[in-house]
Amino acid sequence: MSARATRGILGVLLALCAAAASAQPRYPITVDSVNEPSGASLWADNRGPATVSIALRLTVQENVRADTPLPIFAVVPPHSRIRIGGLQRTARASWRFVTDWTWRFGAYSAAPKADVRYRVPWMDGRTFVIGQAPGGRISTHDTAQSRDAVDITMPEGTPIVAARAGTVVHVAANYTTGGMQPDLRDQANVVMVLHEDGTLAQYAHLMPGGVAVRPGESVQAGKLLGYSGNTGLSDGPHLHFAVTRIVREGDSLAEISIPFAFYVGDPPQVFVPRTGMAVKALYNTPAAPPAQ
């Protein structure tokens, strides 16, 4: 989820300045500049329901200096407009700057809770097999964003529920094709849920039109999110589930997956998902951890 600034705003008189704007992403986040007597200030405007991280750098910098180290990293709360930095003229001559910025859901400064456990993301009483998980044979989880993810084999149309409470921040439901062609990697229908500790849950490869929630909606564990499918980079019907976080990576932001544990039963029986496990969703009665 990122957008790159591409358009500049030019001024005259003692200053000639350029500020960021962008081909806007679907999520309503923008960065703009406000002229001041000594230069300009940079503002991030987050009009959506999710916390957002921003990384901003200057691609052009003439007779101007930043009042904070570059690149600028900032966390912008939902429904807020905040100042993320300022630029000062260093001479009375013409000056200008051009910014380039990216954004991602979540706060790069957040600390994931170590003791969080996730219910399995399907309805009570049903059993499914984990087809791909860390430690087993890996066919598609070859990026930092997916290395700790799991794939659960299940028929198309299987109801998918939230594994943990949070806020829905992004959905895609209009893709119709699935297969192993590389150009399908970014064409999976998906629901993304932001948790209170800043981590994100990804529920991917949902069926066409198979989303039952919308951005900004609060969900509890067990809430219906949508229906499994076979869209995007997929070799058969399944659910891709991952927990991710945002980190600083050089001059930019990256999304990486993190290890997690499921639980079943009451009292909770915690287990680390492994390839080949057959897992039954039981949450009202005692249960044993599933065996591989």
C-alpha atoms as a PDB file:
ATOM      1  CA  MET A   1       0.000   0.000   0.000  1.00  0.00           C
ATOM      2  CA  SER A   2       2.080   2.900  -1.111  1.00  0.00           C
ATOM      3  CA  ALA A   3       1.881   6.000  -3.249  1.00  0.00           C
ATOM      4  CA  ARG A   4       4.724   7.963  -4.745  1.00  0.00           C
ATOM      5  CA  ALA A   5       4.685  11.736  -4.994  1.00  0.00           C
ATOM      6  CA  THR A   6       5.106  12.931  -8.551  1.00  0.00           C
ATOM      7  CA  ARG A   7       3.752  16.463  -8.937  1.00  0.00           C
ATOM      8  CA  GLY A   8       5.385  19.724  -7.814  1.00  0.00           C
ATOM      9  CA  ILE A   9       3.979  23.153  -6.935  1.00  0.00           C
ATOM     10  CA  LEU A  10       6.202  26.054  -8.027  1.00  0.00           C
ATOM     11  CA  GLY A  11       6.297  29.554  -6.560  1.00  0.00           C
ATOM     12  CA  VAL A  12       8.102  32.801  -7.480  1.00  0.00           C
ATOM     13  CA  LEU A  13       9.451  35.988  -5.811  1.00  0.00           C
ATOM     14  CA  LEU A  14      12.247  35.134  -3.369  1.00  0.00           C
ATOM     15  CA  ALA A  15      11.339  31.466  -3.307  1.00  0.00           C
ATOM     16  CA  LEU A  16      10.749  28.845  -5.937  1.00  0.00           C
ATOM     17  CA  CYS A  17       9.495  25.774  -4.173  1.00  0.00           C
ATOM     18  CA  ALA A  18       8.031  22.423  -5.113  1.00  0.00           C
ATOM     19  CA  ALA A  19       5.936  20.301  -2.799  1.00  0.00           C
ATOM     20  CA  ALA A  20       4.664  16.757  -2.819  1.00  0.00           C
ATOM     21  CA  ALA A  21       1.442  15.616  -4.315  1.00  0.00           C
ATOM     22  CA  SER A  22       0.620  12.272  -5.805  1.00  0.00           C
ATOM     23  CA  ALA A  23      -1.513  10.146  -8.004  1.00  0.00           C
ATOM     24  CA  GLN A  24      -3.753   9.443  -5.092  1.00  0.00           C
ATOM     25  CA  PRO A  25      -4.153   5.939  -3.706  1.00  0.00           C
ATOM     26  CA  ARG A  26      -7.550   4.653  -2.715  1.00  0.00           C
ATOM     27  CA  TYR A  27      -6.815   5.296   0.924  1.00  0.00           C
ATOM     28  CA  PRO A  28      -7.255   9.018   1.625  1.00  0.00           C
ATOM     29  CA  ILE A  29      -3.740  10.074   2.667  1.00  0.00           C
ATOM     30  CA  THR A  30      -1.992  13.127   1.221  1.00  0.00           C
ATOM     31  CA  VAL A  31       1.111  15.199   1.886  1.00  0.00           C
ATOM     32  CA  ASP A  32       1.185  18.919   1.061  1.00  0.00           C
ATOM     33  CA  SER A  33       3.215  22.011   1.869  1.00  0.00           C
ATOM     34  CA  VAL A  34       2.249  25.361   3.379  1.00  0.00           C
ATOM     35  CA  ASN A  35       4.404  28.379   2.531  1.00  0.00           C
ATOM     36  CA  GLU A  36       5.813  30.316   5.489  1.00  0.00           C
ATOM     37  CA  PRO A  37       7.921  33.494   5.676  1.00  0.00           C
ATOM     38  CA  SER A  38      11.113  31.508   6.181  1.00  0.00           C
ATOM     39  CA  GLY A  39      10.285  28.527   3.972  1.00  0.00           C
ATOM     40  CA  ALA A  40       7.553  25.902   4.081  1.00  0.00           C
ATOM     41  CA  SER A  41       6.044  23.312   6.391  1.00  0.00           C
ATOM     42  CA  LEU A  42       5.080  19.779   5.373  1.00  0.00           C
ATOM     43  CA  TRP A  43       1.740  18.352   6.460  1.00  0.00           C
ATOM     44  CA  ALA A  44       0.260  14.862   6.273  1.00  0.00           C
ATOM     45  CA  ASP A  45      -3.515  14.633   6.030  1.00  0.00           C
ATOM     46  CA  ASN A  46      -5.000  11.242   6.966  1.00  0.00           C
ATOM     47  CA  ARG A  47      -8.734  11.269   6.296  1.00  0.00           C
ATOM     48  CA  GLY A  48      -9.223   7.532   6.748  1.00  0.00           C
ATOM     49  CA  PRO A  49      -9.840   5.134   9.660  1.00  0.00           C
ATOM     50  CA  ALA A  50      -6.335   3.646   9.955  1.00  0.00           C
ATOM     51  CA  THR A  51      -3.022   4.717  11.442  1.00  0.00           C
ATOM     52  CA  VAL A  52      -0.536   5.279   8.618  1.00  0.00           C
ATOM     53  CA  SER A  53       3.277   5.432   8.450  1.00  0.00           C
ATOM     54  CA  ILE A  54       4.921   7.835   6.006  1.00  0.00           C
ATOM     55  CA  ALA A  55       8.474   8.017   4.649  1.00  0.00           C
ATOM     56  CA  LEU A  56       9.376  11.250   2.849  1.00  0.00           C
ATOM     57  CA  ARG A  57      12.584  12.304   1.134  1.00  0.00           C
ATOM     58  CA  LEU A  58      13.668  15.259  -0.985  1.00  0.00           C
ATOM     59  CA  THR A  59      14.517  14.507  -4.593  1.00  0.00           C
ATOM     60  CA  VAL A  60      15.346  18.168  -5.292  1.00  0.00           C
ATOM     61  CA  GLN A  61      16.815  20.480  -2.636  1.00  0.00           C
ATOM     62  CA  GLU A  62      18.106  23.901  -3.684  1.00  0.00           C
ATOM     63  CA  ASN A  63      18.891  26.666  -1.161  1.00  0.00           C
ATOM     64  CA  VAL A  64      16.773  24.967   1.462  1.00  0.00           C
ATOM     65  CA  ARG A  65      17.397  22.702   4.448  1.00  0.00           C
ATOM     66  CA  ALA A  66      15.102  20.497   6.496  1.00  0.00           C
ATOM     67  CA  ASP A  67      14.556  21.170  10.192  1.00  0.00           C
ATOM     68  CA  THR A  68      14.468  17.437  10.895  1.00  0.00           C
ATOM     69  CA  PRO A  69      16.719  14.596   9.673  1.00  0.00           C
ATOM     70  CA  LEU A  70      15.977  13.245   6.217  1.00  0.00           C
ATOM     71  CA  PRO A  71      14.272  11.112   5.215  1.00  0.00           C
ATOM     72  CA  ILE A  72      11.323  12.066   7.383  1.00  0.00           C
ATOM     73  CA  PHE A  73       9.487   9.169   9.020  1.00  0.00           C
ATOM     74  CA  ALA A  74       6.134   9.914  10.622  1.00  0.00           C
ATOM     75  CA  VAL A  75       3.136   8.099  12.076  1.00  0.00           C
ATOM     76  CA  VAL A  76      -0.182   9.752  11.247  1.00  0.00           C
ATOM     77  CA  PRO A  77      -3.214   8.808  13.378  1.00  0.00           C
ATOM     78  CA  PRO A  78      -6.585   8.237  11.709  1.00  0.00           C
ATOM     79  CA  HIS A  79      -8.714  11.279  10.878  1.00  0.00           C
ATOM     80  CA  SER A  80      -5.912  13.723  11.598  1.00  0.00           C
ATOM     81  CA  ARG A  81      -3.705  16.326   9.944  1.00  0.00           C
ATOM     82  CA  ILE A  82      -0.227  16.725  11.441  1.00  0.00           C
ATOM     83  CA  ARG A  83       2.938  18.657  10.672  1.00  0.00           C
ATOM     84  CA  ILE A  84       5.691  16.190   9.793  1.00  0.00           C
ATOM     85  CA  GLY A  85       8.545  18.594   9.077  1.00  0.00           C
ATOM     86  CA  GLY A  86       9.664  21.983   7.889  1.00  0.00           C
ATOM     87  CA  LEU A  87      12.018  23.469   5.317  1.00  0.00           C
ATOM     88  CA  GLN A  88      14.034  26.644   5.827  1.00  0.00           C
ATOM     89  CA  ARG A  89      15.494  28.891   3.149  1.00  0.00           C
ATOM     90  CA  THR A  90      19.269  29.119   3.333  1.00  0.00           C
ATOM     91  CA  ALA A  91      19.656  32.093   0.943  1.00  0.00           C
ATOM     92  CA  ARG A  92      17.660  34.996  -0.455  1.00  0.00           C
ATOM     93  CA  ALA A  93      18.075  33.508  -3.898  1.00  0.00           C
ATOM     94  CA  SER A  94      15.402  31.372  -5.527  1.00  0.00           C
ATOM     95  CA  TRP A  95      14.858  28.087  -3.744  1.00  0.00           C
ATOM     96  CA  ARG A  96      12.899  24.976  -4.445  1.00  0.00           C
ATOM     97  CA  PHE A  97      12.310  21.426  -3.294  1.00  0.00           C
ATOM     98  CA  VAL A  98      10.557  18.342  -4.570  1.00  0.00           C
ATOM     99  CA  THR A  99       9.375  15.590  -2.258  1.00  0.00           C
ATOM    100  CA  ASP A 100       8.867  11.891  -2.834  1.00  0.00           C
ATOM    101  CA  TRP A 101       6.854   9.940  -0.268  1.00  0.00           C
ATOM    102  CA  THR A 102       5.381   6.537   0.411  1.00  0.00           C
ATOM    103  CA  TRP A 103       2.893   5.282   2.971  1.00  0.00           C
ATOM    104  CA  ARG A 104       1.801   2.039   4.580  1.00  0.00           C
ATOM    105  CA  PHE A 105      -0.943   1.006   6.973  1.00  0.00           C
ATOM    106  CA  GLY A 106       0.171   0.722  10.609  1.00  0.00           C
ATOM    107  CA  ALA A 107       2.797   2.395  12.770  1.00  0.00           C
ATOM    108  CA  TYR A 108       6.453   1.562  12.134  1.00  0.00           C
ATOM    109  CA  SER A 109       7.106   2.541  15.768  1.00  0.00           C
ATOM    110  CA  ALA A 110       4.614   0.012  17.176  1.00  0.00           C
ATOM    111  CA  ALA A 111       5.779  -2.902  19.323  1.00  0.00           C
ATOM    112  CA  PRO A 112       3.849  -6.143  18.611  1.00  0.00           C
ATOM    113  CA  LYS A 113       2.622  -7.911  21.733  1.00  0.00           C
ATOM    114  CA  ALA A 114       4.518 -11.140  22.285  1.00  0.00           C
ATOM    115  CA  ASP A 115       1.725 -12.990  24.099  1.00  0.00           C
ATOM    116  CA  VAL A 116      -1.057 -12.546  21.535  1.00  0.00           C
ATOM    117  CA  ARG A 117      -2.723 -15.739  20.284  1.00  0.00           C
ATOM    118  CA  TYR A 118      -4.981 -16.044  17.245  1.00  0.00           C
ATOM    119  CA  ARG A 119      -8.102 -18.153  16.819  1.00  0.00           C
ATOM    120  CA  VAL A 120      -8.151 -20.089  13.550  1.00  0.00           C
ATOM    121  CA  PRO A 121      -9.838 -17.997  10.831  1.00  0.00           C
ATOM    122  CA  TRP A 122     -12.750 -20.302  10.046  1.00  0.00           C
ATOM    123  CA  MET A 123     -16.030 -21.134  11.735  1.00  0.00           C
ATOM    124  CA  ASP A 124     -16.441 -23.388  14.760  1.00  0.00           C
ATOM    125  CA  GLY A 125     -16.808 -27.095  14.160  1.00  0.00           C
ATOM    126  CA  ARG A 126     -14.987 -27.179  10.802  1.00  0.00           C
ATOM    127  CA  THR A 127     -11.633 -28.874  10.163  1.00  0.00           C
ATOM    128  CA  PHE A 128      -9.054 -27.849   7.568  1.00  0.00           C
ATOM    129  CA  VAL A 129      -5.463 -28.810   6.788  1.00  0.00           C
ATOM    130  CA  ILE A 130      -2.565 -26.372   6.802  1.00  0.00           C
ATOM    131  CA  GLY A 131      -1.010 -26.760   3.366  1.00  0.00           C
ATOM    132  CA  GLN A 132       1.979 -24.421   3.727  1.00  0.00           C
ATOM    133  CA  ALA A 133       3.683 -23.067   6.843  1.00  0.00           C
ATOM    134  CA  PRO A 134       7.167 -22.106   8.046  1.00  0.00           C
ATOM    135  CA  GLY A 135       9.364 -25.150   8.498  1.00  0.00           C
ATOM    136  CA  GLY A 136       7.694 -27.116   5.709  1.00  0.00           C
ATOM    137  CA  ARG A 137       7.861 -27.134   1.937  1.00  0.00           C
ATOM    138  CA  ILE A 138       7.560 -23.559   0.678  1.00  0.00           C
ATOM    139  CA  SER A 139       6.262 -22.846  -2.826  1.00  0.00           C
ATOM    140  CA  THR A 140       5.064 -19.237  -2.795  1.00  0.00           C
ATOM    141  CA  HIS A 141       6.060 -17.660   0.536  1.00  0.00           C
ATOM    142  CA  ASP A 142       9.346 -16.302  -0.743  1.00  0.00           C
ATOM    143  CA  THR A 143       9.168 -12.642   0.324  1.00  0.00           C
ATOM    144  CA  ALA A 144       9.711 -10.866   3.628  1.00  0.00           C
ATOM    145  CA  GLN A 145       5.995 -10.092   3.685  1.00  0.00           C
ATOM    146  CA  SER A 146       4.990 -13.763   3.419  1.00  0.00           C
ATOM    147  CA  ARG A 147       7.762 -15.897   4.960  1.00  0.00           C
ATOM    148  CA  ASP A 148       5.824 -16.486   8.236  1.00  0.00           C
ATOM    149  CA  ALA A 149       2.417 -16.847   6.571  1.00  0.00           C
ATOM    150  CA  VAL A 150       0.309 -19.993   6.420  1.00  0.00           C
ATOM    151  CA  ASP A 151      -1.924 -21.348   3.660  1.00  0.00           C
ATOM    152  CA  ILE A 152      -4.993 -23.347   4.673  1.00  0.00           C
ATOM    153  CA  THR A 153      -6.508 -25.599   2.031  1.00  0.00           C
ATOM    154  CA  MET A 154     -10.291 -25.152   1.845  1.00  0.00           C
ATOM    155  CA  PRO A 155     -13.062 -25.097  -0.782  1.00  0.00           C
ATOM    156  CA  GLU A 156     -14.089 -21.858  -2.424  1.00  0.00           C
ATOM    157  CA  GLY A 157     -16.888 -20.148  -0.547  1.00  0.00           C
ATOM    158  CA  THR A 158     -15.761 -21.270   2.929  1.00  0.00           C
ATOM    159  CA  PRO A 159     -16.695 -18.555   5.480  1.00  0.00           C
ATOM    160  CA  ILE A 160     -13.611 -16.763   6.829  1.00  0.00           C
ATOM    161  CA  VAL A 161     -13.682 -15.103  10.253  1.00  0.00           C
ATOM    162  CA  ALA A 162     -11.399 -12.678  12.067  1.00  0.00           C
ATOM    163  CA  ALA A 163      -8.599 -14.326  14.004  1.00  0.00           C
ATOM    164  CA  ARG A 164      -8.199 -11.286  16.259  1.00  0.00           C
ATOM    165  CA  ALA A 165     -10.078  -8.079  16.995  1.00  0.00           C
ATOM    166  CA  GLY A 166      -9.182  -4.946  15.055  1.00  0.00           C
ATOM    167  CA  THR A 167     -10.227  -2.418  12.437  1.00  0.00           C
ATOM    168  CA  VAL A 168     -10.678  -3.260   8.769  1.00  0.00           C
ATOM    169  CA  VAL A 169      -8.357  -0.941   6.825  1.00  0.00           C
ATOM    170  CA  HIS A 170      -8.393  -2.338   3.308  1.00  0.00           C
ATOM    171  CA  VAL A 171     -10.448  -4.706   1.184  1.00  0.00           C
ATOM    172  CA  ALA A 172     -10.258  -5.891  -2.429  1.00  0.00           C
ATOM    173  CA  ALA A 173     -13.068  -7.963  -3.890  1.00  0.00           C
ATOM    174  CA  ASN A 174     -13.107  -7.398  -7.657  1.00  0.00           C
ATOM    175  CA  TYR A 175     -10.368  -9.736  -8.881  1.00  0.00           C
ATOM    176  CA  THR A 176     -11.614 -12.828 -10.704  1.00  0.00           C
ATOM    177  CA  THR A 177      -8.525 -14.769 -11.786  1.00  0.00           C
ATOM    178  CA  GLY A 178      -6.156 -17.124  -9.996  1.00  0.00           C
ATOM    179  CA  GLY A 179      -3.090 -19.035 -11.144  1.00  0.00           C
ATOM    180  CA  MET A 180       0.669 -19.249 -10.851  1.00  0.00           C
ATOM    181  CA  GLN A 181       1.533 -16.516 -13.346  1.00  0.00           C
ATOM    182  CA  PRO A 182       3.803 -13.934 -11.645  1.00  0.00           C
ATOM    183  CA  ASP A 183       1.658 -11.017 -12.790  1.00  0.00           C
ATOM    184  CA  LEU A 184      -1.176 -12.306 -10.583  1.00  0.00           C
ATOM    185  CA  ARG A 185       0.801 -11.769  -7.363  1.00  0.00           C
ATOM    186  CA  ASP A 186      -0.970  -8.477  -6.566  1.00  0.00           C
ATOM    187  CA  GLN A 187      -4.408  -9.543  -7.781  1.00  0.00           C
ATOM    188  CA  ALA A 188      -5.751 -11.482  -4.804  1.00  0.00           C
ATOM    189  CA  ASN A 189      -8.959 -10.412  -3.138  1.00  0.00           C
ATOM    190  CA  VAL A 190      -8.093  -9.573   0.452  1.00  0.00           C
ATOM    191  CA  VAL A 191      -9.208  -8.194   3.798  1.00  0.00           C
ATOM    192  CA  MET A 192      -6.638  -6.391   5.957  1.00  0.00           C
ATOM    193  CA  VAL A 193      -7.289  -5.851   9.674  1.00  0.00           C
ATOM    194  CA  LEU A 194      -5.198  -3.492  11.811  1.00  0.00           C
ATOM    195  CA  HIS A 195      -4.786  -4.637  15.436  1.00  0.00           C
ATOM    196  CA  GLU A 196      -4.427  -2.378  18.447  1.00  0.00           C
ATOM    197  CA  ASP A 197      -0.691  -3.101  18.778  1.00  0.00           C
ATOM    198  CA  GLY A 198      -0.010  -1.931  15.225  1.00  0.00           C
ATOM    199  CA  THR A 199       0.227  -5.343  13.551  1.00  0.00           C
ATOM    200  CA  LEU A 200      -1.862  -6.277  10.530  1.00  0.00           C
ATOM    201  CA  ALA A 201      -3.637  -9.489   9.582  1.00  0.00           C
ATOM    202  CA  GLN A 202      -3.920 -10.438   5.913  1.00  0.00           C
ATOM    203  CA  TYR A 203      -6.739 -12.724   4.734  1.00  0.00           C
ATOM    204  CA  ALA A 204      -6.046 -13.304   1.035  1.00  0.00           C
ATOM    205  CA  HIS A 205      -7.203 -15.157  -2.108  1.00  0.00           C
ATOM    206  CA  LEU A 206     -10.880 -14.552  -1.303  1.00  0.00           C
ATOM    207  CA  MET A 207     -13.473 -15.383  -3.949  1.00  0.00           C
ATOM    208  CA  PRO A 208     -14.716 -12.706  -6.383  1.00  0.00           C
ATOM    209  CA  GLY A 209     -17.119 -10.499  -4.475  1.00  0.00           C
ATOM    210  CA  GLY A 210     -16.214 -12.497  -1.386  1.00  0.00           C
ATOM    211  CA  VAL A 211     -15.795  -9.686   1.147  1.00  0.00           C
ATOM    212  CA  ALA A 212     -18.354  -9.124   3.913  1.00  0.00           C
ATOM    213  CA  VAL A 213     -16.828  -6.069   5.640  1.00  0.00           C
ATOM    214  CA  ARG A 214     -15.720  -2.583   4.655  1.00  0.00           C
ATOM    215  CA  PRO A 215     -12.853  -0.254   5.640  1.00  0.00           C
ATOM    216  CA  GLY A 216     -13.349   1.439   8.991  1.00  0.00           C
ATOM    217  CA  GLU A 217     -15.442  -1.393  10.429  1.00  0.00           C
ATOM    218  CA  SER A 218     -14.440  -2.737  13.848  1.00  0.00           C
ATOM    219  CA  VAL A 219     -14.422  -6.521  14.126  1.00  0.00           C
ATOM    220  CA  GLN A 220     -14.071  -8.973  16.982  1.00  0.00           C
ATOM    221  CA  ALA A 221     -12.432 -12.389  16.781  1.00  0.00           C
ATOM    222  CA  GLY A 222     -14.887 -14.738  15.077  1.00  0.00           C
ATOM    223  CA  LYS A 223     -16.586 -12.016  12.998  1.00  0.00           C
ATOM    224  CA  LEU A 224     -17.340 -12.996   9.395  1.00  0.00           C
ATOM    225  CA  LEU A 225     -14.930 -11.232   7.008  1.00  0.00           C
ATOM    226  CA  GLY A 226     -15.618 -12.958   3.698  1.00  0.00           C
ATOM    227  CA  TYR A 227     -15.327 -16.208   1.764  1.00  0.00           C
ATOM    228  CA  SER A 228     -12.272 -18.167   0.655  1.00  0.00           C
ATOM    229  CA  GLY A 229     -11.379 -18.414  -3.011  1.00  0.00           C
ATOM    230  CA  ASN A 230      -8.625 -18.874  -5.548  1.00  0.00           C
ATOM    231  CA  THR A 231      -7.711 -15.365  -6.752  1.00  0.00           C
ATOM    232  CA  GLY A 232      -4.245 -13.955  -7.303  1.00  0.00           C
ATOM    233  CA  LEU A 233      -1.033 -16.002  -7.206  1.00  0.00           C
ATOM    234  CA  SER A 234      -2.608 -19.295  -6.195  1.00  0.00           C
ATOM    235  CA  ASP A 235      -2.267 -22.951  -7.174  1.00  0.00           C
ATOM    236  CA  GLY A 236      -5.685 -23.926  -5.827  1.00  0.00           C
ATOM    237  CA  PRO A 237      -8.481 -22.817  -3.487  1.00  0.00           C
ATOM    238  CA  HIS A 238      -7.102 -21.822  -0.083  1.00  0.00           C
ATOM    239  CA  LEU A 239      -6.826 -19.042   2.482  1.00  0.00           C
ATOM    240  CA  HIS A 240      -3.551 -17.188   2.915  1.00  0.00           C
ATOM    241  CA  PHE A 241      -3.230 -15.849   6.469  1.00  0.00           C
ATOM    242  CA  ALA A 242      -0.338 -13.700   7.669  1.00  0.00           C
ATOM    243  CA  VAL A 243       0.463 -11.321  10.517  1.00  0.00           C
ATOM    244  CA  THR A 244       2.676  -8.429   9.460  1.00  0.00           C
ATOM    245  CA  ARG A 245       4.230  -5.245  10.812  1.00  0.00           C
ATOM    246  CA  ILE A 246       5.745  -2.087   9.318  1.00  0.00           C
ATOM    247  CA  VAL A 247       9.470  -1.396   9.724  1.00  0.00           C
ATOM    248  CA  ARG A 248      11.960   1.198   8.564  1.00  0.00           C
ATOM    249  CA  GLU A 249      14.169  -0.168   5.820  1.00  0.00           C
ATOM    250  CA  GLY A 250      16.848   2.263   4.697  1.00  0.00           C
ATOM    251  CA  ASP A 251      15.131   5.362   3.317  1.00  0.00           C
ATOM    252  CA  SER A 252      11.750   3.693   3.032  1.00  0.00           C
ATOM    253  CA  LEU A 253       9.150   1.542   4.780  1.00  0.00           C
ATOM    254  CA  ALA A 254       8.659  -2.189   4.410  1.00  0.00           C
ATOM    255  CA  GLU A 255       6.019  -4.677   5.515  1.00  0.00           C
ATOM    256  CA  ILE A 256       7.358  -7.903   6.975  1.00  0.00           C
ATOM    257  CA  SER A 257       5.594 -10.970   8.313  1.00  0.00           C
ATOM    258  CA  ILE A 258       6.103 -12.082  11.911  1.00  0.00           C
ATOM    259  CA  PRO A 259       5.669 -15.490  13.574  1.00  0.00           C
ATOM    260  CA  PHE A 260       2.382 -16.139  15.363  1.00  0.00           C
ATOM    261  CA  ALA A 261       0.570 -18.899  17.214  1.00  0.00           C
ATOM    262  CA  PHE A 262      -3.014 -20.164  16.946  1.00  0.00           C
ATOM    263  CA  TYR A 263      -5.122 -21.554  19.761  1.00  0.00           C
ATOM    264  CA  VAL A 264      -8.111 -23.878  20.015  1.00  0.00           C
ATOM    265  CA  GLY A 265     -10.293 -25.000  22.889  1.00  0.00           C
ATOM    266  CA  ASP A 266     -11.504 -23.589  26.169  1.00  0.00           C
ATOM    267  CA  PRO A 267      -9.205 -23.360  28.075  1.00  0.00           C
ATOM    268  CA  PRO A 268      -6.951 -22.233  25.202  1.00  0.00           C
ATOM    269  CA  GLN A 269      -4.498 -24.762  23.798  1.00  0.00           C
ATOM    270  CA  VAL A 270      -1.773 -22.862  21.958  1.00  0.00           C
ATOM    271  CA  PHE A 271       0.115 -24.288  18.981  1.00  0.00           C
ATOM    272  CA  VAL A 272       2.446 -23.113  16.240  1.00  0.00           C
ATOM    273  CA  PRO A 273       0.974 -23.907  12.792  1.00  0.00           C
ATOM    274  CA  ARG A 274       2.881 -26.539  10.828  1.00  0.00           C
ATOM    275  CA  THR A 275       2.433 -27.995   7.360  1.00  0.00           C
ATOM    276  CA  GLY A 276       0.083 -30.999   7.392  1.00  0.00           C
ATOM    277  CA  MET A 277      -1.768 -30.149  10.608  1.00  0.00           C
ATOM    278  CA  ALA A 278      -5.501 -30.885  10.515  1.00  0.00           C
ATOM    279  CA  VAL A 279      -7.068 -28.246  12.763  1.00  0.00           C
ATOM    280  CA  LYS A 280     -10.624 -28.242  14.067  1.00  0.00           C
ATOM    281  CA  ALA A 281     -12.069 -24.932  15.247  1.00  0.00           C
ATOM    282  CA  LEU A 282     -13.393 -25.557  18.770  1.00  0.00           C
ATOM    283  CA  TYR A 283     -13.826 -22.668  21.191  1.00  0.00           C
ATOM    284  CA  ASN A 284     -16.540 -23.679  23.657  1.00  0.00           C
ATOM    285  CA  THR A 285     -15.159 -26.990  24.880  1.00  0.00           C
ATOM    286  CA  PRO A 286     -11.773 -28.414  25.913  1.00  0.00           C
ATOM    287  CA  ALA A 287      -9.566 -29.479  22.997  1.00  0.00           C
ATOM    288  CA  ALA A 288      -6.119 -30.900  22.495  1.00  0.00           C
ATOM    289  CA  PRO A 289      -3.538 -29.063  20.356  1.00  0.00           C
ATOM    290  CA  PRO A 290      -3.604 -30.500  16.832  1.00  0.00           C
ATOM    291  CA  ALA A 291      -0.890 -32.968  15.861  1.00  0.00           C
ATOM    292  CA  GLN A 292       1.090 -32.699  12.680  1.00  0.00           C
END
